[in-house]
């Protein structure tokens, strides 16, 4: 990023804010803005969905389906039970679940009770769980029994009133007993635990269904989610997402996508992204509720063989994922036996999508990957490609309706088109702030009210935006900026490479050097071969000084490679 930019060079910079060039690139059916007068609450949106789509399937898990009408009744039972426990409007309730059938009922039940949802990664350690629940002040926790042992380990540091144990088979009828049997005794996925005061989700439903929930006045300005950021660069922070923030983003996504949905009203979204992650939460759970679609819930997307088997058994029309997921599926045995003929589009976000993965995906499915971009703090979607593209673009597309973006230098000045700077965004989907961290909130915002994403980007004169990399991941080699994404993109194109992560490590002579960690598919691949491949495609200072091979790379449960965790691990080992 440039610290200063000559005034003459800024002749086109303010055009980013005034002209909004991306609007001219919008498909003709997509509005320039959403009607913000229609922004209500997620409770209203859910109730309207139940009323309008009662007979349609809302979710499917392990071959069992639940209608919107039934989902509405289960959510009411959850809301009634929470209210009977004395929970008031605004109280925080935590969900520690993968994508199981109970998730949507618990999610909408908490919101209907007037409470705030605190999504928790089920793979958290006891330490991470303790930090998040203490920080959020959540005293009720819904957790899958597979992770109950973690709760037991954390219990002494928590102030929990009630733990509710959920099973994978809940809401699956008779089939649920088989699913639970396999989970507990065949896959041995449930570690021994001792939580004598915990109650079952079935008990919650039984008690809550005895009376309807009490009507609660929920405002668009009430907190819907306390959505914690990944915390890979420090202590995880809770992004305060109001009902209006999230509903606005659902309306923005709907406005962008609806012209391409077609006339059919039976859309099925493959929901492999975890619902506790903001991408899966908004684009899968909430958007499908708005349009009356069905979520095909994938409880364990890491089981690629099982995932492919599910895709073979069920027609679907929509798909969302991240680069690593598309890469794994595109190379999975049996994937070419899946019927992709009804798929309208497949969207990607959460991390940079590599061109080699997008090319393979189109070869397998006939559809390009449509990449978008967002963060937990932005509910999440800020930008997306047009859904009528024929080929993968390598960009994040254009700002959504009612969204402004600008690329800024280190001094906060808007940069001309084509120059690298920090991507900043403004719109109704931007969070209210970080939970109990006014200093962090102030640092995240510009004086004129834009959210600083922390990502380095370039804007084209058309308004199309390309992410270069995370600002904190940039490597400085002898004064030259090296962006890991660029180096990873080159290495990933080598046919002997499955995955790659690039980081910078300290060097006395150059300040930092580029180091690549590679998962290879060809055991004969050597570091020298890869470095020579890089020399053919990269300037000398961008070529990795070292290449090391690994069996796996550290990732989030969404599949995003954790460069920071990798760097910490390597640094500690050294």
Protein backbone atom coordinates (compact mmCIF):
# COMPACT_ATOMS: atom_id res chain seq x y z
CA UNK A 1 0.00 0.00 0.00
CA UNK A 2 1.20 3.49 -0.75
CA UNK A 3 1.54 5.75 2.26
CA UNK A 4 1.08 8.84 0.10
CA UNK A 5 -0.34 9.40 -3.35
CA UNK A 6 0.15 12.57 -5.47
CA UNK A 7 -3.01 14.66 -5.68
CA UNK A 8 -2.94 14.53 -9.47
CA UNK A 9 -3.09 10.75 -9.38
CA UNK A 10 -6.33 10.89 -7.42
CA UNK A 11 -8.32 12.33 -10.28
CA UNK A 12 -10.17 9.03 -10.60
CA UNK A 13 -10.00 8.02 -6.96
CA UNK A 14 -13.04 9.91 -5.69
CA UNK A 15 -15.00 8.49 -8.63
CA UNK A 16 -15.06 5.23 -6.68
CA UNK A 17 -17.27 6.89 -4.09
CA UNK A 18 -19.24 9.31 -6.25
CA UNK A 19 -19.84 7.48 -9.54
CA UNK A 20 -20.12 3.91 -8.19
CA UNK A 21 -18.90 2.47 -11.49
CA UNK A 22 -19.99 -1.05 -10.57
CA UNK A 23 -23.64 -0.10 -11.00
CA UNK A 24 -23.22 -0.01 -14.78
CA UNK A 25 -22.05 -3.64 -14.65
CA UNK A 26 -25.17 -4.87 -12.84
CA UNK A 27 -27.45 -7.32 -14.68
CA UNK A 28 -30.53 -5.36 -15.86
CA UNK A 29 -32.88 -7.24 -13.49
CA UNK A 30 -30.84 -6.44 -10.37
CA UNK A 31 -31.83 -3.25 -8.49
CA UNK A 32 -29.16 -0.71 -7.59
CA UNK A 33 -30.41 -0.54 -4.00
CA UNK A 34 -32.63 -2.61 -1.76
CA UNK A 35 -35.73 -1.11 -0.19
CA UNK A 36 -34.42 -0.49 3.31
CA UNK A 37 -37.96 0.25 4.48
CA UNK A 38 -38.59 -3.48 4.14
CA UNK A 39 -35.82 -4.40 6.58
CA UNK A 40 -37.55 -6.04 9.51
CA UNK A 41 -36.40 -8.83 11.82
CA UNK A 42 -35.30 -12.39 11.21
CA UNK A 43 -38.27 -13.50 13.31
CA UNK A 44 -40.65 -11.76 10.90
CA UNK A 45 -38.82 -13.28 7.95
CA UNK A 46 -39.03 -16.77 9.44
CA UNK A 47 -42.72 -16.46 10.29
CA UNK A 48 -43.48 -15.20 6.79
CA UNK A 49 -41.56 -18.15 5.36
CA UNK A 50 -43.47 -20.67 7.49
CA UNK A 51 -46.79 -19.11 6.45
CA UNK A 52 -45.93 -18.92 2.75
CA UNK A 53 -44.07 -22.21 2.31
CA UNK A 54 -45.61 -24.44 5.00
CA UNK A 55 -45.84 -27.54 2.81
CA UNK A 56 -42.39 -27.23 1.25
CA UNK A 57 -39.29 -28.97 2.54
CA UNK A 58 -37.16 -26.67 4.69
CA UNK A 59 -34.29 -29.03 5.45
CA UNK A 60 -33.03 -32.54 4.76
CA UNK A 61 -30.57 -34.61 6.79
CA UNK A 62 -29.59 -38.27 6.36
CA UNK A 63 -32.44 -38.67 3.85
CA UNK A 64 -35.12 -37.35 6.23
CA UNK A 65 -36.96 -34.11 5.39
CA UNK A 66 -38.80 -31.54 7.49
CA UNK A 67 -41.35 -29.03 6.16
CA UNK A 68 -41.50 -25.35 6.97
CA UNK A 69 -44.70 -25.91 8.95
CA UNK A 70 -43.03 -28.58 11.10
CA UNK A 71 -39.90 -26.45 11.50
CA UNK A 72 -42.11 -23.62 12.71
CA UNK A 73 -43.66 -25.85 15.38
CA UNK A 74 -40.28 -27.10 16.60
CA UNK A 75 -38.91 -23.54 16.74
CA UNK A 76 -41.97 -22.49 18.77
CA UNK A 77 -41.31 -25.30 21.24
CA UNK A 78 -37.69 -24.18 21.67
CA UNK A 79 -38.78 -20.56 22.15
CA UNK A 80 -41.45 -21.54 24.70
CA UNK A 81 -38.96 -23.64 26.68
CA UNK A 82 -36.38 -20.84 26.77
CA UNK A 83 -38.97 -18.38 28.00
CA UNK A 84 -40.04 -20.85 30.69
CA UNK A 85 -36.44 -20.86 31.93
CA UNK A 86 -36.72 -17.14 32.52
CA UNK A 87 -34.70 -15.93 29.54
CA UNK A 88 -35.42 -12.36 28.53
CA UNK A 89 -35.11 -10.37 25.34
CA UNK A 90 -31.43 -9.96 24.48
CA UNK A 91 -30.11 -12.86 26.57
CA UNK A 92 -27.39 -14.83 24.78
CA UNK A 93 -27.87 -18.53 23.99
CA UNK A 94 -25.04 -20.61 22.48
CA UNK A 95 -25.28 -23.26 19.74
CA UNK A 96 -22.38 -25.73 19.43
CA UNK A 97 -23.57 -27.95 16.58
CA UNK A 98 -22.54 -29.11 13.12
CA UNK A 99 -25.17 -29.21 10.35
CA UNK A 100 -27.72 -31.54 11.93
CA UNK A 101 -31.50 -31.35 11.59
CA UNK A 102 -31.97 -29.78 15.02
CA UNK A 103 -29.88 -26.74 14.11
CA UNK A 104 -32.51 -24.69 12.20
CA UNK A 105 -35.16 -25.36 14.86
CA UNK A 106 -32.84 -24.23 17.65
CA UNK A 107 -31.63 -21.23 15.64
CA UNK A 108 -35.10 -19.87 14.93
CA UNK A 109 -36.35 -20.86 18.36
CA UNK A 110 -33.71 -18.71 20.06
CA UNK A 111 -34.49 -15.75 17.79
CA UNK A 112 -38.25 -16.18 18.27
CA UNK A 113 -37.78 -16.03 22.04
CA UNK A 114 -36.19 -12.62 21.57
CA UNK A 115 -32.74 -13.92 22.47
CA UNK A 116 -29.37 -13.61 20.74
CA UNK A 117 -27.63 -16.54 19.03
CA UNK A 118 -23.98 -17.18 19.89
CA UNK A 119 -22.61 -19.60 17.29
CA UNK A 120 -19.78 -21.82 18.56
CA UNK A 121 -17.39 -23.95 16.51
CA UNK A 122 -17.93 -27.55 17.72
CA UNK A 123 -14.22 -28.28 17.25
CA UNK A 124 -13.21 -25.68 19.83
CA UNK A 125 -10.99 -26.77 22.67
CA UNK A 126 -12.13 -26.29 26.26
CA UNK A 127 -9.99 -23.14 26.47
CA UNK A 128 -11.53 -21.62 23.34
CA UNK A 129 -15.05 -22.55 24.44
CA UNK A 130 -14.47 -21.00 27.88
CA UNK A 131 -13.24 -17.74 26.38
CA UNK A 132 -16.16 -17.37 24.00
CA UNK A 133 -18.97 -18.23 26.43
CA UNK A 134 -17.48 -16.08 29.17
CA UNK A 135 -17.03 -13.17 26.78
CA UNK A 136 -20.56 -13.54 25.40
CA UNK A 137 -22.20 -14.10 28.77
CA UNK A 138 -24.11 -17.08 27.40
CA UNK A 139 -25.59 -19.28 30.15
CA UNK A 140 -27.53 -21.79 28.05
CA UNK A 141 -25.73 -24.07 25.59
CA UNK A 142 -27.12 -26.46 22.97
CA UNK A 143 -24.34 -28.94 22.12
CA UNK A 144 -24.10 -32.13 20.07
CA UNK A 145 -23.34 -35.09 22.33
CA UNK A 146 -20.22 -35.78 20.25
CA UNK A 147 -18.66 -32.66 21.81
CA UNK A 148 -20.08 -32.98 25.32
CA UNK A 149 -16.67 -34.07 26.65
CA UNK A 150 -15.26 -30.66 25.70
CA UNK A 151 -18.06 -28.97 27.64
CA UNK A 152 -17.26 -31.15 30.64
CA UNK A 153 -13.61 -30.09 30.47
CA UNK A 154 -14.61 -26.42 30.32
CA UNK A 155 -17.42 -26.57 32.87
CA UNK A 156 -15.46 -25.35 35.89
CA UNK A 157 -14.65 -22.09 34.07
CA UNK A 158 -18.19 -21.48 32.86
CA UNK A 159 -21.31 -19.98 34.42
CA UNK A 160 -23.85 -22.18 32.68
CA UNK A 161 -27.41 -22.58 33.91
CA UNK A 162 -28.26 -25.38 31.50
CA UNK A 163 -26.60 -27.64 28.94
CA UNK A 164 -28.93 -29.18 26.35
CA UNK A 165 -27.62 -32.31 24.64
CA UNK A 166 -28.53 -32.76 20.98
CA UNK A 167 -28.03 -35.98 19.00
CA UNK A 168 -27.43 -36.34 15.23
CA UNK A 169 -30.69 -38.28 15.02
CA UNK A 170 -32.93 -35.66 16.63
CA UNK A 171 -35.94 -34.76 14.44
CA UNK A 172 -35.22 -37.70 12.11
CA UNK A 173 -38.03 -39.92 13.39
CA UNK A 174 -37.34 -43.66 13.53
CA UNK A 175 -34.29 -43.22 11.33
CA UNK A 176 -32.78 -41.10 14.07
CA UNK A 177 -32.25 -44.14 16.27
CA UNK A 178 -30.16 -45.77 13.53
CA UNK A 179 -28.15 -42.58 12.96
CA UNK A 180 -27.41 -42.34 16.70
CA UNK A 181 -26.49 -46.00 16.91
CA UNK A 182 -23.97 -45.65 14.08
CA UNK A 183 -22.55 -42.42 15.54
CA UNK A 184 -22.11 -43.85 19.04
CA UNK A 185 -21.15 -47.47 18.45
CA UNK A 186 -19.92 -47.87 14.87
CA UNK A 187 -18.06 -44.61 14.29
CA UNK A 188 -17.45 -44.18 18.05
CA UNK A 189 -17.84 -40.43 17.58
CA UNK A 190 -19.09 -39.78 21.11
CA UNK A 191 -16.33 -39.56 23.71
CA UNK A 192 -17.22 -40.49 27.30
CA UNK A 193 -18.56 -37.53 29.27
CA UNK A 194 -20.21 -36.78 32.59
CA UNK A 195 -22.78 -33.96 32.56
CA UNK A 196 -25.42 -35.13 35.08
CA UNK A 197 -27.31 -31.83 35.07
CA UNK A 198 -27.69 -31.73 31.29
CA UNK A 199 -31.05 -32.40 29.67
CA UNK A 200 -31.89 -33.76 26.23
CA UNK A 201 -33.16 -31.77 23.27
CA UNK A 202 -36.13 -34.15 23.17
CA UNK A 203 -37.04 -33.00 26.68
CA UNK A 204 -36.86 -29.38 25.57
CA UNK A 205 -39.28 -30.09 22.72
CA UNK A 206 -41.62 -32.11 24.95
CA UNK A 207 -41.79 -29.41 27.61
CA UNK A 208 -41.89 -26.49 25.19
CA UNK A 209 -44.68 -27.90 23.05
CA UNK A 210 -47.12 -27.83 25.97
CA UNK A 211 -47.80 -24.13 25.43
CA UNK A 212 -47.10 -21.59 22.66
CA UNK A 213 -44.29 -19.11 23.15
CA UNK A 214 -45.10 -15.71 24.60
CA UNK A 215 -45.16 -12.92 22.01
CA UNK A 216 -41.98 -10.86 22.21
CA UNK A 217 -41.47 -7.53 20.49
CA UNK A 218 -38.22 -7.88 18.59
CA UNK A 219 -36.80 -4.76 16.96
CA UNK A 220 -34.59 -4.54 13.85
CA UNK A 221 -32.08 -2.85 16.17
CA UNK A 222 -31.93 -5.84 18.54
CA UNK A 223 -28.86 -8.07 18.43
CA UNK A 224 -29.56 -11.23 16.43
CA UNK A 225 -26.09 -12.80 16.46
CA UNK A 226 -22.93 -12.44 18.45
CA UNK A 227 -20.75 -13.83 15.68
CA UNK A 228 -17.17 -14.48 16.75
CA UNK A 229 -14.36 -13.93 14.29
CA UNK A 230 -11.88 -16.74 13.73
CA UNK A 231 -9.34 -15.37 16.17
CA UNK A 232 -6.40 -16.65 14.11
CA UNK A 233 -4.49 -13.42 14.68
CA UNK A 234 -5.35 -12.97 18.35
CA UNK A 235 -8.24 -13.26 20.78
CA UNK A 236 -11.55 -13.92 19.03
CA UNK A 237 -13.91 -10.94 19.04
CA UNK A 238 -17.69 -10.99 18.85
CA UNK A 239 -19.18 -9.06 15.93
CA UNK A 240 -22.53 -7.59 16.96
CA UNK A 241 -24.94 -8.32 14.10
CA UNK A 242 -28.33 -6.69 14.52
CA UNK A 243 -31.48 -8.10 12.96
CA UNK A 244 -31.37 -5.24 10.46
CA UNK A 245 -27.78 -6.05 9.44
CA UNK A 246 -28.49 -9.70 8.66
CA UNK A 247 -31.92 -9.15 7.09
CA UNK A 248 -30.40 -6.45 4.87
CA UNK A 249 -27.75 -8.89 3.66
CA UNK A 250 -30.37 -11.56 2.97
CA UNK A 251 -32.31 -9.00 0.90
CA UNK A 252 -29.10 -7.97 -0.89
CA UNK A 253 -28.25 -11.58 -1.72
CA UNK A 254 -31.82 -12.24 -2.86
CA UNK A 255 -31.78 -9.16 -5.12
CA UNK A 256 -28.48 -10.29 -6.65
CA UNK A 257 -29.47 -13.93 -7.15
CA UNK A 258 -33.25 -14.05 -7.72
CA UNK A 259 -33.14 -13.13 -11.43
CA UNK A 260 -31.12 -16.32 -11.97
CA UNK A 261 -33.19 -18.69 -9.83
CA UNK A 262 -35.61 -19.35 -12.67
CA UNK A 263 -39.29 -20.12 -12.34
CA UNK A 264 -38.90 -23.19 -10.15
CA UNK A 265 -39.79 -22.93 -6.46
CA UNK A 266 -38.15 -26.12 -5.24
CA UNK A 267 -34.54 -25.03 -4.95
CA UNK A 268 -32.23 -27.26 -2.92
CA UNK A 269 -29.07 -25.71 -1.49
CA UNK A 270 -26.23 -28.11 -0.73
CA UNK A 271 -25.29 -26.89 2.75
CA UNK A 272 -21.84 -28.23 3.50
CA UNK A 273 -20.59 -24.97 4.97
CA UNK A 274 -21.25 -25.11 8.71
CA UNK A 275 -24.24 -23.06 9.82
CA UNK A 276 -22.24 -21.67 12.72
CA UNK A 277 -20.08 -19.92 10.08
CA UNK A 278 -21.50 -16.65 8.79
CA UNK A 279 -21.30 -17.68 5.12
CA UNK A 280 -23.35 -20.84 5.61
CA UNK A 281 -25.67 -19.10 8.07
CA UNK A 282 -26.72 -16.29 5.71
CA UNK A 283 -26.36 -17.77 2.22
CA UNK A 284 -27.78 -21.19 3.13
CA UNK A 285 -30.03 -21.10 6.21
CA UNK A 286 -31.43 -17.59 6.02
CA UNK A 287 -31.56 -17.02 2.25
CA UNK A 288 -33.28 -20.39 1.73
CA UNK A 289 -35.84 -19.43 4.36
CA UNK A 290 -36.51 -16.18 2.49
CA UNK A 291 -37.09 -17.90 -0.88
CA UNK A 292 -38.65 -21.14 0.41
CA UNK A 293 -35.72 -23.36 -0.53
CA UNK A 294 -34.54 -26.56 1.13
CA UNK A 295 -31.18 -26.97 2.86
CA UNK A 296 -29.49 -30.28 2.12
CA UNK A 297 -27.54 -30.49 5.39
CA UNK A 298 -24.11 -32.11 5.22
CA UNK A 299 -23.14 -32.93 8.81
CA UNK A 300 -19.55 -33.93 8.04
CA UNK A 301 -18.20 -32.38 4.81
CA UNK A 302 -14.76 -33.85 5.55
CA UNK A 303 -16.17 -37.27 4.76
CA UNK A 304 -15.80 -36.70 1.03
CA UNK A 305 -16.86 -40.24 0.09
CA UNK A 306 -20.04 -39.85 2.11
CA UNK A 307 -20.57 -36.38 0.67
CA UNK A 308 -20.36 -37.68 -2.90
CA UNK A 309 -22.76 -40.49 -2.02
CA UNK A 310 -25.28 -37.92 -0.76
CA UNK A 311 -24.93 -35.84 -3.93
CA UNK A 312 -25.61 -38.93 -6.02
CA UNK A 313 -28.82 -39.67 -4.14
CA UNK A 314 -30.52 -36.26 -4.17
CA UNK A 315 -31.20 -33.73 -6.96
CA UNK A 316 -29.99 -30.23 -6.05
CA UNK A 317 -29.93 -26.82 -7.70
CA UNK A 318 -27.61 -24.60 -5.64
CA UNK A 319 -24.27 -25.12 -3.94
CA UNK A 320 -21.98 -23.10 -1.71
CA UNK A 321 -18.46 -23.92 -0.64
CA UNK A 322 -14.87 -22.85 -0.22
CA UNK A 323 -11.82 -23.51 -2.37
CA UNK A 324 -10.63 -26.55 -0.41
CA UNK A 325 -14.07 -28.16 -0.53
CA UNK A 326 -14.44 -27.70 -4.29
CA UNK A 327 -10.91 -29.00 -4.75
CA UNK A 328 -11.61 -32.13 -2.70
CA UNK A 329 -14.92 -32.81 -4.47
CA UNK A 330 -13.56 -32.20 -7.97
CA UNK A 331 -10.86 -34.83 -7.37
CA UNK A 332 -13.04 -37.30 -5.46
CA UNK A 333 -13.74 -40.81 -6.82
CA UNK A 334 -17.28 -41.05 -8.16
CA UNK A 335 -17.83 -37.29 -8.54
CA UNK A 336 -18.43 -37.66 -12.28
CA UNK A 337 -21.38 -39.93 -11.51
CA UNK A 338 -23.18 -37.05 -9.77
CA UNK A 339 -25.95 -35.39 -11.78
CA UNK A 340 -25.13 -31.67 -11.98
CA UNK A 341 -27.64 -30.98 -14.75
CA UNK A 342 -30.08 -29.11 -12.49
CA UNK A 343 -27.46 -26.97 -10.76
CA UNK A 344 -28.13 -23.27 -11.34
CA UNK A 345 -24.91 -22.03 -9.78
CA UNK A 346 -22.18 -22.84 -7.27
CA UNK A 347 -20.86 -19.97 -5.16
CA UNK A 348 -17.57 -19.74 -3.33
CA UNK A 349 -16.28 -17.53 -0.53
CA UNK A 350 -14.45 -17.63 2.78
CA UNK A 351 -11.02 -17.80 1.14
CA UNK A 352 -9.45 -17.15 -2.26
CA UNK A 353 -10.63 -19.56 -4.96
CA UNK A 354 -7.73 -20.78 -7.09
CA UNK A 355 -8.06 -20.75 -10.87
CA UNK A 356 -6.85 -24.34 -11.18
CA UNK A 357 -9.62 -25.49 -8.81
CA UNK A 358 -12.26 -23.47 -10.67
CA UNK A 359 -11.11 -24.95 -13.98
CA UNK A 360 -11.34 -28.50 -12.63
CA UNK A 361 -14.77 -27.81 -11.12
CA UNK A 362 -16.17 -26.56 -14.43
CA UNK A 363 -14.67 -29.55 -16.22
CA UNK A 364 -16.51 -31.87 -13.82
CA UNK A 365 -19.82 -30.00 -13.47
CA UNK A 366 -20.11 -27.78 -16.51
CA UNK A 367 -20.62 -24.77 -14.21
CA UNK A 368 -18.14 -22.02 -13.29
CA UNK A 369 -17.53 -21.15 -9.65
CA UNK A 370 -19.10 -17.80 -8.82
CA UNK A 371 -16.89 -16.16 -6.24
CA UNK A 372 -18.09 -13.72 -3.62
CA UNK A 373 -16.54 -11.97 -0.65
CA UNK A 374 -17.41 -10.99 2.89
CA UNK A 375 -16.57 -11.25 6.56
CA UNK A 376 -18.27 -12.03 9.86
CA UNK A 377 -18.44 -8.28 10.46
CA UNK A 378 -20.40 -7.71 7.24
CA UNK A 379 -23.16 -10.32 7.69
CA UNK A 380 -21.20 -11.45 5.46
CA UNK A 381 -21.54 -10.59 1.74
CA UNK A 382 -20.05 -7.36 0.37
CA UNK A 383 -19.23 -8.31 -3.24
CA UNK A 384 -20.13 -11.08 -5.67
CA UNK A 385 -19.62 -11.96 -9.31
CA UNK A 386 -22.55 -11.90 -11.69
CA UNK A 387 -24.25 -15.26 -11.74
CA UNK A 388 -24.34 -15.35 -15.56
CA UNK A 389 -20.56 -15.59 -16.03
CA UNK A 390 -19.34 -18.31 -18.38
CA UNK A 391 -15.87 -18.62 -16.88
CA UNK A 392 -14.30 -18.10 -13.47
CA UNK A 393 -13.11 -14.48 -13.23
CA UNK A 394 -10.52 -14.59 -10.44
CA UNK A 395 -12.15 -11.52 -8.88
CA UNK A 396 -14.77 -11.08 -6.16
CA UNK A 397 -17.03 -9.26 -8.60
CA UNK A 398 -19.03 -6.14 -7.75
CA UNK A 399 -20.45 -4.59 -4.58
CA UNK A 400 -23.99 -5.77 -3.85
CA UNK A 401 -26.99 -3.40 -4.02
CA UNK A 402 -26.87 -0.65 -1.35
CA UNK A 403 -23.15 -1.32 -0.78
CA UNK A 404 -20.32 1.16 -1.26
CA UNK A 405 -16.67 0.17 -1.35
CA UNK A 406 -13.40 2.04 -1.76
CA UNK A 407 -9.74 1.04 -1.93
CA UNK A 408 -7.63 3.21 0.38
CA UNK A 409 -4.00 3.95 1.10
CA UNK A 410 -2.34 3.85 4.50
CA UNK A 411 -3.34 7.46 5.09
CA UNK A 412 -7.02 6.67 4.46
CA UNK A 413 -7.12 8.37 1.07
CA UNK A 414 -9.08 6.71 -1.74
CA UNK A 415 -6.68 5.35 -4.37
CA UNK A 416 -6.99 5.48 -8.17
CA UNK A 417 -8.25 2.47 -10.08
CA UNK A 418 -5.64 -0.25 -10.42
CA UNK A 419 -3.70 0.63 -7.27
CA UNK A 420 -3.43 -1.74 -4.32
CA UNK A 421 -4.86 -0.63 -1.02
CA UNK A 422 -7.12 -1.69 1.84
CA UNK A 423 -10.69 -2.56 0.84
CA UNK A 424 -13.20 -0.54 2.88
CA UNK A 425 -16.97 -1.03 2.79
CA UNK A 426 -20.16 0.70 3.86
CA UNK A 427 -23.73 -0.58 3.80
CA UNK A 428 -26.68 -1.72 5.92
CA UNK A 429 -25.05 -5.13 6.42
CA UNK A 430 -22.05 -3.75 8.37
CA UNK A 431 -21.99 -4.80 12.04
CA UNK A 432 -22.92 -2.47 14.88
CA UNK A 433 -19.45 -3.03 16.38
CA UNK A 434 -17.41 -5.50 18.42
CA UNK A 435 -19.00 -6.81 21.61
CA UNK A 436 -17.73 -4.81 24.61
CA UNK A 437 -14.68 -3.59 22.64
CA UNK A 438 -15.22 0.06 21.68
CA UNK A 439 -11.50 0.51 21.03
CA UNK A 440 -11.46 -2.36 18.51
CA UNK A 441 -14.63 -0.99 16.91
CA UNK A 442 -13.06 2.45 16.50
CA UNK A 443 -9.94 0.95 14.91
CA UNK A 444 -12.07 -1.03 12.45
CA UNK A 445 -13.89 2.04 11.09
CA UNK A 446 -12.72 4.97 9.00
CA UNK A 447 -13.64 8.54 10.03
CA UNK A 448 -16.29 8.62 7.27
CA UNK A 449 -17.95 5.39 8.44
CA UNK A 450 -16.42 2.69 6.25
CA UNK A 451 -15.46 -0.69 7.69
CA UNK A 452 -11.80 -1.58 7.19
CA UNK A 453 -11.67 -5.18 5.97
CA UNK A 454 -7.94 -5.73 6.43
CA UNK A 455 -7.72 -7.12 2.89
CA UNK A 456 -5.54 -5.69 0.12
CA UNK A 457 -7.57 -5.13 -3.04
CA UNK A 458 -7.52 -3.52 -6.47
CA UNK A 459 -10.54 -1.90 -8.12
CA UNK A 460 -10.87 -1.76 -11.89
CA UNK A 461 -12.55 1.20 -13.68
CA UNK A 462 -15.58 -1.07 -14.14
CA UNK A 463 -15.96 -1.35 -10.38
CA UNK A 464 -14.88 -4.98 -10.35
CA UNK A 465 -12.78 -5.81 -7.29
CA UNK A 466 -9.91 -8.26 -6.91
CA UNK A 467 -8.55 -9.30 -3.53
CA UNK A 468 -4.76 -9.48 -3.48
CA UNK A 469 -4.26 -10.81 0.04
CA UNK A 470 -4.67 -10.18 3.74
CA UNK A 471 -2.69 -7.13 4.86
CA UNK A 472 -1.31 -9.08 7.83
CA UNK A 473 -0.13 -11.94 5.59
CA UNK A 474 1.90 -9.77 3.24
CA UNK A 475 5.61 -10.72 3.14
CA UNK A 476 8.28 -8.02 2.87
CA UNK A 477 11.36 -9.34 1.01
CA UNK A 478 14.17 -6.77 0.81
CA UNK A 479 11.60 -3.99 0.67
CA UNK A 480 9.41 -5.69 -1.96
CA UNK A 481 5.83 -6.74 -1.20
CA UNK A 482 5.04 -10.41 -1.78
CA UNK A 483 1.43 -11.56 -1.53
CA UNK A 484 1.05 -15.23 -0.53
CA UNK A 485 -2.09 -15.65 -2.64
CA UNK A 486 -0.13 -14.94 -5.83
CA UNK A 487 2.60 -17.46 -5.00
CA UNK A 488 0.04 -20.07 -3.89
CA UNK A 489 -1.89 -19.59 -7.12
CA UNK A 490 1.24 -20.41 -9.16
CA UNK A 491 2.27 -23.43 -7.08
CA UNK A 492 -1.28 -24.83 -7.13
CA UNK A 493 -1.10 -25.01 -10.93
CA UNK A 494 1.64 -27.64 -10.77
CA UNK A 495 0.03 -31.04 -11.50
CA UNK A 496 1.88 -32.68 -8.61
CA UNK A 497 0.37 -30.34 -5.96
CA UNK A 498 -2.81 -30.91 -3.96
CA UNK A 499 -2.66 -27.96 -1.54
CA UNK A 500 -0.23 -25.20 -0.66
CA UNK A 501 0.25 -22.50 1.97
CA UNK A 502 2.84 -19.74 1.71
CA UNK A 503 4.17 -17.73 4.66
CA UNK A 504 7.02 -15.35 5.37
CA UNK A 505 9.73 -16.24 7.87
CA UNK A 506 12.43 -13.96 9.34
CA UNK A 507 15.74 -13.63 7.49
CA UNK A 508 18.76 -11.58 8.55
CA UNK A 509 19.66 -10.49 5.03
CA UNK A 510 16.26 -9.95 3.38
CA UNK A 511 14.09 -9.23 6.44
CA UNK A 512 11.72 -12.03 5.41
CA UNK A 513 11.86 -14.93 2.97
CA UNK A 514 9.08 -16.79 1.20
CA UNK A 515 8.51 -20.38 2.38
CA UNK A 516 5.98 -22.78 0.82
CA UNK A 517 4.38 -25.75 2.59
CA UNK A 518 2.95 -28.22 0.11
CA UNK A 519 0.69 -31.28 0.21
CA UNK A 520 1.67 -33.21 -2.90
CA UNK A 521 -0.26 -35.73 -4.93
CA UNK A 522 2.91 -36.89 -6.71
CA UNK A 523 5.40 -38.44 -4.27
CA UNK A 524 8.26 -37.93 -6.75
CA UNK A 525 7.84 -34.15 -6.70
CA UNK A 526 10.94 -32.42 -5.30
CA UNK A 527 11.50 -28.93 -3.81
CA UNK A 528 13.90 -28.07 -6.63
CA UNK A 529 11.31 -28.99 -9.25
CA UNK A 530 8.73 -26.75 -7.63
CA UNK A 531 11.14 -23.85 -7.20
CA UNK A 532 12.12 -24.10 -10.87
CA UNK A 533 8.41 -24.09 -11.77
CA UNK A 534 8.02 -20.91 -9.70
CA UNK A 535 11.00 -19.24 -11.41
CA UNK A 536 9.23 -19.66 -14.75
CA UNK A 537 6.17 -17.81 -13.46
CA UNK A 538 7.33 -15.42 -10.72
CA UNK A 539 9.85 -12.63 -10.23
CA UNK A 540 12.95 -13.86 -8.38
CA UNK A 541 12.13 -12.33 -4.99
CA UNK A 542 8.71 -14.04 -5.00
CA UNK A 543 10.16 -17.53 -5.56
CA UNK A 544 10.05 -19.56 -2.30
CA UNK A 545 13.44 -19.82 -0.63
CA UNK A 546 12.32 -23.16 0.78
CA UNK A 547 9.68 -25.73 -0.13
CA UNK A 548 8.63 -28.23 2.52
CA UNK A 549 6.24 -31.14 2.05
CA UNK A 550 3.52 -32.02 4.58
CA UNK A 551 0.74 -34.55 4.90
CA UNK A 552 -1.79 -31.86 5.89
CA UNK A 553 -2.10 -28.11 6.42
CA UNK A 554 -3.81 -26.49 9.42
CA UNK A 555 -7.36 -25.41 8.52
CA UNK A 556 -10.53 -24.05 10.04
CA UNK A 557 -13.55 -26.34 10.06
CA UNK A 558 -14.73 -24.46 6.97
CA UNK A 559 -11.56 -25.56 5.19
CA UNK A 560 -9.73 -22.23 5.17
CA UNK A 561 -5.97 -22.68 5.49
CA UNK A 562 -4.66 -21.05 8.65
CA UNK A 563 -1.46 -19.33 7.59
CA UNK A 564 -1.12 -17.69 11.00
CA UNK A 565 -1.37 -21.03 12.82
CA UNK A 566 1.15 -22.53 10.39
CA UNK A 567 3.55 -19.65 10.95
CA UNK A 568 3.21 -19.89 14.74
CA UNK A 569 3.83 -23.63 14.61
CA UNK A 570 6.94 -23.28 12.45
CA UNK A 571 8.30 -20.39 14.51
CA UNK A 572 7.86 -22.27 17.78
CA UNK A 573 9.52 -25.36 16.33
CA UNK A 574 12.50 -23.29 15.24
